[in-house]
Amino acid sequence: LLIGCDGTQPLDFGTPPPVDPPLTEEEVEEQAAI
């Protein structure tokens, strides 16, 4: 389902955020699952 605002911009539905220090591979997988 593709939902945007006023037909122009896509909504952010929870891409895993960048962090410092970088996430471990396991943490990346956990964030992607959430």
All heavy atoms as atom14 arrays in JSON, in Angstrom:
{
  "sequence": "LLIGCDGTQPLDFGTPPPVDPPLTEEEVEEQAAI",
  "atom14_mask": [
    [1, 1, 1, 1, 1, 1, 1, 1, 0, 0, 0, 0, 0, 0],
    [1, 1, 1, 1, 1, 1, 1, 1, 0, 0, 0, 0, 0, 0],
    [1, 1, 1, 1, 1, 1, 1, 1, 0, 0, 0, 0, 0, 0],
    [1, 1, 1, 1, 0, 0, 0, 0, 0, 0, 0, 0, 0, 0],
    [1, 1, 1, 1, 1, 1, 0, 0, 0, 0, 0, 0, 0, 0],
    [1, 1, 1, 1, 1, 1, 1, 1, 0, 0, 0, 0, 0, 0],
    [1, 1, 1, 1, 0, 0, 0, 0, 0, 0, 0, 0, 0, 0],
    [1, 1, 1, 1, 1, 1, 1, 0, 0, 0, 0, 0, 0, 0],
    [1, 1, 1, 1, 1, 1, 1, 1, 1, 0, 0, 0, 0, 0],
    [1, 1, 1, 1, 1, 1, 1, 0, 0, 0, 0, 0, 0, 0],
    [1, 1, 1, 1, 1, 1, 1, 1, 0, 0, 0, 0, 0, 0],
    [1, 1, 1, 1, 1, 1, 1, 1, 0, 0, 0, 0, 0, 0],
    [1, 1, 1, 1, 1, 1, 1, 1, 1, 1, 1, 0, 0, 0],
    [1, 1, 1, 1, 0, 0, 0, 0, 0, 0, 0, 0, 0, 0],
    [1, 1, 1, 1, 1, 1, 1, 0, 0, 0, 0, 0, 0, 0],
    [1, 1, 1, 1, 1, 1, 1, 0, 0, 0, 0, 0, 0, 0],
    [1, 1, 1, 1, 1, 1, 1, 0, 0, 0, 0, 0, 0, 0],
    [1, 1, 1, 1, 1, 1, 1, 0, 0, 0, 0, 0, 0, 0],
    [1, 1, 1, 1, 1, 1, 1, 0, 0, 0, 0, 0, 0, 0],
    [1, 1, 1, 1, 1, 1, 1, 1, 0, 0, 0, 0, 0, 0],
    [1, 1, 1, 1, 1, 1, 1, 0, 0, 0, 0, 0, 0, 0],
    [1, 1, 1, 1, 1, 1, 1, 0, 0, 0, 0, 0, 0, 0],
    [1, 1, 1, 1, 1, 1, 1, 1, 0, 0, 0, 0, 0, 0],
    [1, 1, 1, 1, 1, 1, 1, 0, 0, 0, 0, 0, 0, 0],
    [1, 1, 1, 1, 1, 1, 1, 1, 1, 0, 0, 0, 0, 0],
    [1, 1, 1, 1, 1, 1, 1, 1, 1, 0, 0, 0, 0, 0],
    [1, 1, 1, 1, 1, 1, 1, 1, 1, 0, 0, 0, 0, 0],
    [1, 1, 1, 1, 1, 1, 1, 0, 0, 0, 0, 0, 0, 0],
    [1, 1, 1, 1, 1, 1, 1, 1, 1, 0, 0, 0, 0, 0],
    [1, 1, 1, 1, 1, 1, 1, 1, 1, 0, 0, 0, 0, 0],
    [1, 1, 1, 1, 1, 1, 1, 1, 1, 0, 0, 0, 0, 0],
    [1, 1, 1, 1, 1, 0, 0, 0, 0, 0, 0, 0, 0, 0],
    [1, 1, 1, 1, 1, 0, 0, 0, 0, 0, 0, 0, 0, 0],
    [1, 1, 1, 1, 1, 1, 1, 1, 0, 0, 0, 0, 0, 0]
  ],
  "atom14_positions": [
    [[0.86, -1.17, 0.0], [0.0, 0.0, 0.0], [0.9, 1.22, 0.0], [1.75, 1.35, 0.85], [-0.87, 0.03, 1.26], [-1.89, -1.1, 1.41], [-2.43, -1.13, 2.81], [-2.99, -0.92, 0.42], [0.0, 0.0, 0.0], [0.0, 0.0, 0.0], [0.0, 0.0, 0.0], [0.0, 0.0, 0.0], [0.0, 0.0, 0.0], [0.0, 0.0, 0.0]],
    [[0.71, 2.1, -0.95], [1.58, 3.27, -1.06], [0.79, 4.49, -0.63], [-0.18, 4.85, -1.25], [2.05, 3.44, -2.5], [3.12, 4.51, -2.71], [4.38, 4.19, -1.97], [3.36, 4.71, -4.18], [0.0, 0.0, 0.0], [0.0, 0.0, 0.0], [0.0, 0.0, 0.0], [0.0, 0.0, 0.0], [0.0, 0.0, 0.0], [0.0, 0.0, 0.0]],
    [[1.21, 5.14, 0.46], [0.46, 6.27, 0.98], [1.37, 7.47, 1.09], [2.43, 7.4, 1.66], [-0.18, 5.96, 2.34], [-1.23, 4.88, 2.13], [-0.79, 7.19, 2.95], [-2.1, 4.65, 3.32], [0.0, 0.0, 0.0], [0.0, 0.0, 0.0], [0.0, 0.0, 0.0], [0.0, 0.0, 0.0], [0.0, 0.0, 0.0], [0.0, 0.0, 0.0]],
    [[0.96, 8.61, 0.52], [1.73, 9.83, 0.61], [0.84, 10.97, 1.02], [-0.35, 10.8, 1.17], [0.0, 0.0, 0.0], [0.0, 0.0, 0.0], [0.0, 0.0, 0.0], [0.0, 0.0, 0.0], [0.0, 0.0, 0.0], [0.0, 0.0, 0.0], [0.0, 0.0, 0.0], [0.0, 0.0, 0.0], [0.0, 0.0, 0.0], [0.0, 0.0, 0.0]],
    [[1.38, 12.13, 1.16], [0.63, 13.29, 1.6], [0.26, 14.14, 0.4], [1.13, 14.59, -0.34], [1.45, 14.11, 2.58], [0.7, 15.67, 2.99], [0.0, 0.0, 0.0], [0.0, 0.0, 0.0], [0.0, 0.0, 0.0], [0.0, 0.0, 0.0], [0.0, 0.0, 0.0], [0.0, 0.0, 0.0], [0.0, 0.0, 0.0], [0.0, 0.0, 0.0]],
    [[-1.06, 14.38, 0.22], [-1.54, 15.22, -0.87], [-1.02, 14.74, -2.23], [-0.85, 15.52, -3.15], [-1.15, 16.68, -0.64], [-1.77, 17.22, 0.63], [-2.88, 16.81, 0.96], [-1.11, 18.04, 1.28], [0.0, 0.0, 0.0], [0.0, 0.0, 0.0], [0.0, 0.0, 0.0], [0.0, 0.0, 0.0], [0.0, 0.0, 0.0], [0.0, 0.0, 0.0]],
    [[-0.75, 13.44, -2.33], [-0.4, 12.86, -3.6], [1.0, 13.18, -4.07], [1.33, 12.95, -5.23], [0.0, 0.0, 0.0], [0.0, 0.0, 0.0], [0.0, 0.0, 0.0], [0.0, 0.0, 0.0], [0.0, 0.0, 0.0], [0.0, 0.0, 0.0], [0.0, 0.0, 0.0], [0.0, 0.0, 0.0], [0.0, 0.0, 0.0], [0.0, 0.0, 0.0]],
    [[1.87, 13.73, -3.22], [3.17, 14.17, -3.71], [4.35, 13.5, -3.02], [5.31, 13.14, -3.67], [3.33, 15.69, -3.53], [3.16, 16.02, -2.16], [2.28, 16.42, -4.35], [0.0, 0.0, 0.0], [0.0, 0.0, 0.0], [0.0, 0.0, 0.0], [0.0, 0.0, 0.0], [0.0, 0.0, 0.0], [0.0, 0.0, 0.0], [0.0, 0.0, 0.0]],
    [[4.3, 13.32, -1.71], [5.47, 12.85, -0.98], [5.2, 11.51, -0.3], [4.17, 11.34, 0.31], [5.88, 13.87, 0.09], [6.2, 15.24, -0.47], [6.57, 16.21, 0.63], [7.27, 15.85, 1.56], [6.09, 17.41, 0.54], [0.0, 0.0, 0.0], [0.0, 0.0, 0.0], [0.0, 0.0, 0.0], [0.0, 0.0, 0.0], [0.0, 0.0, 0.0]],
    [[6.13, 10.57, -0.4], [5.94, 9.29, 0.3], [6.11, 9.46, 1.8], [6.83, 10.34, 2.26], [7.06, 8.41, -0.28], [8.12, 9.39, -0.66], [7.4, 10.64, -1.12], [0.0, 0.0, 0.0], [0.0, 0.0, 0.0], [0.0, 0.0, 0.0], [0.0, 0.0, 0.0], [0.0, 0.0, 0.0], [0.0, 0.0, 0.0], [0.0, 0.0, 0.0]],
    [[5.44, 8.62, 2.54], [5.58, 8.64, 3.99], [6.74, 7.74, 4.41], [7.02, 6.74, 3.78], [4.3, 8.14, 4.66], [3.06, 9.0, 4.47], [1.92, 8.43, 5.28], [3.32, 10.43, 4.9], [0.0, 0.0, 0.0], [0.0, 0.0, 0.0], [0.0, 0.0, 0.0], [0.0, 0.0, 0.0], [0.0, 0.0, 0.0], [0.0, 0.0, 0.0]],
    [[7.37, 8.11, 5.52], [8.44, 7.29, 6.1], [7.8, 6.26, 7.01], [7.17, 6.6, 8.0], [9.37, 8.21, 6.9], [10.43, 7.44, 7.66], [10.47, 6.21, 7.53], [11.21, 8.08, 8.36], [0.0, 0.0, 0.0], [0.0, 0.0, 0.0], [0.0, 0.0, 0.0], [0.0, 0.0, 0.0], [0.0, 0.0, 0.0], [0.0, 0.0, 0.0]],
    [[7.9, 4.98, 6.66], [7.24, 3.97, 7.47], [8.19, 3.19, 8.35], [7.93, 2.06, 8.73], [6.41, 3.01, 6.6], [7.19, 2.22, 5.59], [7.71, 0.98, 5.89], [7.38, 2.73, 4.32], [8.41, 0.25, 4.97], [8.09, 2.0, 3.39], [8.6, 0.76, 3.7], [0.0, 0.0, 0.0], [0.0, 0.0, 0.0], [0.0, 0.0, 0.0]],
    [[9.33, 3.77, 8.7], [10.14, 3.16, 9.72], [11.42, 2.53, 9.24], [11.81, 1.47, 9.72], [0.0, 0.0, 0.0], [0.0, 0.0, 0.0], [0.0, 0.0, 0.0], [0.0, 0.0, 0.0], [0.0, 0.0, 0.0], [0.0, 0.0, 0.0], [0.0, 0.0, 0.0], [0.0, 0.0, 0.0], [0.0, 0.0, 0.0], [0.0, 0.0, 0.0]],
    [[12.11, 3.14, 8.28], [13.41, 2.64, 7.87], [14.35, 2.65, 9.08], [14.4, 3.64, 9.79], [14.01, 3.52, 6.76], [13.12, 3.5, 5.65], [15.37, 3.01, 6.33], [0.0, 0.0, 0.0], [0.0, 0.0, 0.0], [0.0, 0.0, 0.0], [0.0, 0.0, 0.0], [0.0, 0.0, 0.0], [0.0, 0.0, 0.0], [0.0, 0.0, 0.0]],
    [[15.07, 1.57, 9.34], [15.96, 1.56, 10.5], [16.88, 2.78, 10.52], [17.56, 3.07, 9.54], [16.77, 0.26, 10.31], [15.86, -0.61, 9.52], [15.12, 0.32, 8.6], [0.0, 0.0, 0.0], [0.0, 0.0, 0.0], [0.0, 0.0, 0.0], [0.0, 0.0, 0.0], [0.0, 0.0, 0.0], [0.0, 0.0, 0.0], [0.0, 0.0, 0.0]],
    [[16.87, 3.55, 11.6], [17.61, 4.81, 11.64], [19.12, 4.6, 11.76], [19.56, 3.63, 12.38], [17.07, 5.5, 12.9], [16.65, 4.36, 13.77], [16.13, 3.31, 12.85], [0.0, 0.0, 0.0], [0.0, 0.0, 0.0], [0.0, 0.0, 0.0], [0.0, 0.0, 0.0], [0.0, 0.0, 0.0], [0.0, 0.0, 0.0], [0.0, 0.0, 0.0]],
    [[19.92, 5.49, 11.18], [21.36, 5.4, 11.38], [21.72, 5.81, 12.81], [21.08, 6.67, 13.39], [21.91, 6.43, 10.38], [20.79, 7.4, 10.18], [19.53, 6.61, 10.33], [0.0, 0.0, 0.0], [0.0, 0.0, 0.0], [0.0, 0.0, 0.0], [0.0, 0.0, 0.0], [0.0, 0.0, 0.0], [0.0, 0.0, 0.0], [0.0, 0.0, 0.0]],
    [[22.71, 5.17, 13.38], [23.12, 5.49, 14.74], [24.64, 5.53, 14.81], [25.34, 5.04, 13.94], [22.59, 4.46, 15.77], [21.08, 4.49, 15.83], [23.09, 3.07, 15.42], [0.0, 0.0, 0.0], [0.0, 0.0, 0.0], [0.0, 0.0, 0.0], [0.0, 0.0, 0.0], [0.0, 0.0, 0.0], [0.0, 0.0, 0.0], [0.0, 0.0, 0.0]],
    [[25.15, 6.15, 15.88], [26.58, 6.22, 16.13], [26.8, 5.8, 17.59], [26.25, 6.45, 18.49], [27.09, 7.64, 15.88], [28.6, 7.74, 16.02], [29.27, 6.68, 15.91], [29.09, 8.85, 16.24], [0.0, 0.0, 0.0], [0.0, 0.0, 0.0], [0.0, 0.0, 0.0], [0.0, 0.0, 0.0], [0.0, 0.0, 0.0], [0.0, 0.0, 0.0]],
    [[27.53, 4.71, 17.88], [28.28, 3.9, 16.91], [27.36, 3.04, 16.05], [26.2, 2.83, 16.41], [29.16, 3.03, 17.81], [28.36, 2.91, 19.07], [27.68, 4.23, 19.24], [0.0, 0.0, 0.0], [0.0, 0.0, 0.0], [0.0, 0.0, 0.0], [0.0, 0.0, 0.0], [0.0, 0.0, 0.0], [0.0, 0.0, 0.0], [0.0, 0.0, 0.0]],
    [[27.86, 2.54, 14.93], [27.03, 1.74, 14.03], [26.45, 0.52, 14.73], [27.05, -0.05, 15.64], [28.01, 1.34, 12.91], [29.08, 2.36, 12.97], [29.22, 2.74, 14.41], [0.0, 0.0, 0.0], [0.0, 0.0, 0.0], [0.0, 0.0, 0.0], [0.0, 0.0, 0.0], [0.0, 0.0, 0.0], [0.0, 0.0, 0.0], [0.0, 0.0, 0.0]],
    [[25.28, 0.08, 14.28], [24.66, -1.11, 14.83], [25.43, -2.36, 14.4], [26.03, -2.39, 13.33], [23.22, -1.23, 14.34], [22.24, -0.14, 14.76], [20.9, -0.35, 14.07], [22.07, -0.1, 16.26], [0.0, 0.0, 0.0], [0.0, 0.0, 0.0], [0.0, 0.0, 0.0], [0.0, 0.0, 0.0], [0.0, 0.0, 0.0], [0.0, 0.0, 0.0]],
    [[25.37, -3.37, 15.24], [25.91, -4.66, 14.85], [24.98, -5.29, 13.81], [23.84, -4.85, 13.62], [26.02, -5.6, 16.06], [24.68, -5.89, 16.54], [26.83, -4.96, 17.18], [0.0, 0.0, 0.0], [0.0, 0.0, 0.0], [0.0, 0.0, 0.0], [0.0, 0.0, 0.0], [0.0, 0.0, 0.0], [0.0, 0.0, 0.0], [0.0, 0.0, 0.0]],
    [[25.44, -6.34, 13.17], [24.61, -7.01, 12.17], [23.32, -7.54, 12.8], [22.24, -7.44, 12.21], [25.4, -8.16, 11.54], [24.64, -8.89, 10.44], [25.47, -9.97, 9.76], [26.69, -10.01, 10.01], [24.9, -10.76, 9.0], [0.0, 0.0, 0.0], [0.0, 0.0, 0.0], [0.0, 0.0, 0.0], [0.0, 0.0, 0.0], [0.0, 0.0, 0.0]],
    [[23.43, -8.07, 14.02], [22.24, -8.57, 14.71], [21.28, -7.44, 15.03], [20.06, -7.58, 14.87], [22.65, -9.29, 15.99], [21.47, -9.89, 16.76], [21.9, -10.62, 18.01], [23.12, -10.68, 18.29], [21.01, -11.15, 18.73], [0.0, 0.0, 0.0], [0.0, 0.0, 0.0], [0.0, 0.0, 0.0], [0.0, 0.0, 0.0], [0.0, 0.0, 0.0]],
    [[21.8, -6.3, 15.47], [20.94, -5.15, 15.78], [20.27, -4.61, 14.53], [19.11, -4.2, 14.57], [21.77, -4.07, 16.46], [22.18, -4.41, 17.89], [23.17, -3.42, 18.46], [23.94, -2.81, 17.68], [23.2, -3.26, 19.7], [0.0, 0.0, 0.0], [0.0, 0.0, 0.0], [0.0, 0.0, 0.0], [0.0, 0.0, 0.0], [0.0, 0.0, 0.0]],
    [[20.98, -4.6, 13.42], [20.39, -4.16, 12.15], [19.21, -5.06, 11.79], [18.14, -4.58, 11.37], [21.44, -4.16, 11.02], [20.78, -3.97, 9.66], [22.46, -3.06, 11.26], [0.0, 0.0, 0.0], [0.0, 0.0, 0.0], [0.0, 0.0, 0.0], [0.0, 0.0, 0.0], [0.0, 0.0, 0.0], [0.0, 0.0, 0.0], [0.0, 0.0, 0.0]],
    [[19.38, -6.36, 11.95], [18.31, -7.3, 11.64], [17.11, -7.08, 12.57], [15.95, -7.14, 12.14], [18.82, -8.73, 11.76], [19.83, -9.11, 10.68], [20.39, -10.51, 10.87], [20.06, -11.13, 11.91], [21.14, -10.98, 10.0], [0.0, 0.0, 0.0], [0.0, 0.0, 0.0], [0.0, 0.0, 0.0], [0.0, 0.0, 0.0], [0.0, 0.0, 0.0]],
    [[17.38, -6.83, 13.85], [16.3, -6.58, 14.8], [15.53, -5.31, 14.43], [14.29, -5.29, 14.47], [16.87, -6.47, 16.21], [17.4, -7.78, 16.78], [18.06, -7.59, 18.13], [18.24, -6.42, 18.55], [18.41, -8.6, 18.77], [0.0, 0.0, 0.0], [0.0, 0.0, 0.0], [0.0, 0.0, 0.0], [0.0, 0.0, 0.0], [0.0, 0.0, 0.0]],
    [[16.26, -4.24, 14.09], [15.61, -2.99, 13.71], [14.79, -3.16, 12.43], [13.69, -2.63, 12.31], [16.66, -1.9, 13.52], [17.4, -1.5, 14.78], [16.59, -0.52, 15.63], [16.59, 0.67, 15.37], [15.91, -1.05, 16.64], [0.0, 0.0, 0.0], [0.0, 0.0, 0.0], [0.0, 0.0, 0.0], [0.0, 0.0, 0.0], [0.0, 0.0, 0.0]],
    [[15.33, -3.9, 11.47], [14.6, -4.14, 10.23], [13.32, -4.93, 10.49], [12.28, -4.68, 9.88], [15.49, -4.89, 9.23], [0.0, 0.0, 0.0], [0.0, 0.0, 0.0], [0.0, 0.0, 0.0], [0.0, 0.0, 0.0], [0.0, 0.0, 0.0], [0.0, 0.0, 0.0], [0.0, 0.0, 0.0], [0.0, 0.0, 0.0], [0.0, 0.0, 0.0]],
    [[13.38, -5.88, 11.42], [12.21, -6.67, 11.76], [11.14, -5.8, 12.42], [9.94, -5.95, 12.14], [12.59, -7.83, 12.69], [0.0, 0.0, 0.0], [0.0, 0.0, 0.0], [0.0, 0.0, 0.0], [0.0, 0.0, 0.0], [0.0, 0.0, 0.0], [0.0, 0.0, 0.0], [0.0, 0.0, 0.0], [0.0, 0.0, 0.0], [0.0, 0.0, 0.0]],
    [[11.55, -4.88, 13.28], [10.58, -3.96, 13.91], [9.95, -3.07, 12.86], [8.73, -2.87, 12.84], [11.27, -3.12, 15.0], [11.7, -4.01, 16.17], [10.33, -2.01, 15.49], [12.5, -3.28, 17.23], [0.0, 0.0, 0.0], [0.0, 0.0, 0.0], [0.0, 0.0, 0.0], [0.0, 0.0, 0.0], [0.0, 0.0, 0.0], [0.0, 0.0, 0.0]]
  ]
}
